[in-house]
Each structure stands twice: as structure tokens, then as C-alpha cells.
Amino acid sequence: MKHIIHPLLLLFLINFGCVKNTEVEETCIDERLIDETMACYMIYAPVCGCNNVTYSNDCIANISGVLNYTEGACEETN
């Protein structure tokens, strides 16, 4: 007996299941999250954004639309 995947199930697997969505993984900045009017605390606790830009703290990174960052300043590349 042949197994046939229903088209709606295939669509579900592509969007939510086994198949990775590379467009989402490659996204670093979400421009919809940028809010230059938002206030942040002025504590220097640098984070390195996924775009290799050092932000003075996580709040600044968040209001700049950065989706992923790590603690500490970015390493300088020459």
C-alpha cells in the first residue's frame, strides 16, 4: 500500500514541523520592533548583536530590533 501525504499535512510540516524555515533563521533585525521613542536604562552592560554590532545593553539592542545577542562586546575584526 502506498502512503500519500495529504497536502495540508505537508504544508503544516513545512511551516511548523520537520522542515526548517531558513528565512526565519537568517533574520537578525526585525524592523517592526525598532522603537526610537522607547526609553532604556543607562547601565553599561554590553551585548553583541547577531549583526556583530556592540550595543550598550540588552534594552538598547531590543529597541533596535535585534532578535539575538550574546553578553559582552563583539570581538573586533580587522
Protein backbone atom coordinates (compact mmCIF):
# COMPACT_ATOMS: atom_id res chain seq x y z
CA MET A 1 0.00 0.00 0.00
CA LYS A 2 1.32 3.46 -0.93
CA HIS A 3 1.39 6.17 1.71
CA ILE A 4 0.30 9.55 0.44
CA ILE A 5 0.82 12.72 2.48
CA HIS A 6 -2.17 15.00 2.45
CA PRO A 7 -1.25 18.45 1.02
CA LEU A 8 -2.41 20.25 4.20
CA LEU A 9 -0.22 18.00 6.36
CA LEU A 10 2.73 18.70 4.09
CA LEU A 11 2.11 22.43 4.40
CA PHE A 12 1.98 22.09 8.19
CA LEU A 13 5.27 20.17 8.28
CA ILE A 14 6.99 22.77 6.13
CA ASN A 15 5.80 25.69 8.25
CA PHE A 16 5.87 24.20 11.75
CA GLY A 17 7.45 20.80 11.74
CA CYS A 18 10.43 18.97 10.41
CA VAL A 19 11.48 21.24 7.58
CA LYS A 20 13.48 24.27 8.71
CA ASN A 21 12.49 27.73 7.57
CA THR A 22 15.86 29.25 6.64
CA GLU A 23 14.34 32.70 6.10
CA VAL A 24 13.47 32.94 9.79
CA GLU A 25 16.87 31.58 10.91
CA GLU A 26 18.76 34.12 8.80
CA THR A 27 16.82 37.08 10.18
CA CYS A 28 18.76 39.22 12.63
CA ILE A 29 16.91 42.53 12.76
CA ASP A 30 13.14 42.86 12.84
CA GLU A 31 12.44 46.40 11.68
CA ARG A 32 8.92 46.20 13.15
CA LEU A 33 10.49 46.11 16.64
CA ILE A 34 12.58 49.27 16.19
CA ASP A 35 11.28 51.98 18.50
CA GLU A 36 13.46 55.08 18.78
CA THR A 37 10.98 56.70 21.19
CA MET A 38 11.39 53.99 23.85
CA ALA A 39 13.48 54.80 26.93
CA CYS A 40 16.15 52.44 28.24
CA TYR A 41 18.21 52.32 31.40
CA MET A 42 21.70 53.78 31.18
CA ILE A 43 23.64 50.86 32.65
CA TYR A 44 26.64 49.77 30.57
CA ALA A 45 26.31 46.02 30.18
CA PRO A 46 27.35 45.43 26.54
CA VAL A 47 25.80 42.80 24.33
CA CYS A 48 26.92 41.63 20.89
CA GLY A 49 24.09 41.60 18.37
CA CYS A 50 23.72 38.94 15.70
CA ASN A 51 24.72 41.71 13.25
CA ASN A 52 28.13 41.93 15.01
CA VAL A 53 27.33 45.36 16.49
CA THR A 54 28.00 46.06 20.18
CA TYR A 55 25.04 47.64 21.99
CA SER A 56 25.50 49.27 25.41
CA ASN A 57 22.89 46.95 26.97
CA ASP A 58 20.14 44.48 26.13
CA CYS A 59 17.43 47.15 26.22
CA ILE A 60 19.19 49.18 23.52
CA ALA A 61 19.57 46.02 21.42
CA ASN A 62 15.88 45.16 21.84
CA ILE A 63 14.58 48.60 20.81
CA SER A 64 16.99 48.47 17.85
CA GLY A 65 15.14 45.40 16.59
CA VAL A 66 17.93 42.92 17.29
CA LEU A 67 16.48 39.43 17.67
CA ASN A 68 19.54 37.60 19.02
CA TYR A 69 22.53 38.75 21.03
CA THR A 70 25.11 37.44 23.48
CA GLU A 71 26.50 39.01 26.63
CA GLY A 72 29.68 41.03 26.19
CA ALA A 73 31.06 43.27 23.48
CA CYS A 74 31.59 41.95 19.98
CA GLU A 75 35.11 40.92 19.07
CA GLU A 76 36.80 43.38 16.76
CA THR A 77 37.68 42.05 13.33
CA ASN A 78 40.45 43.65 11.29
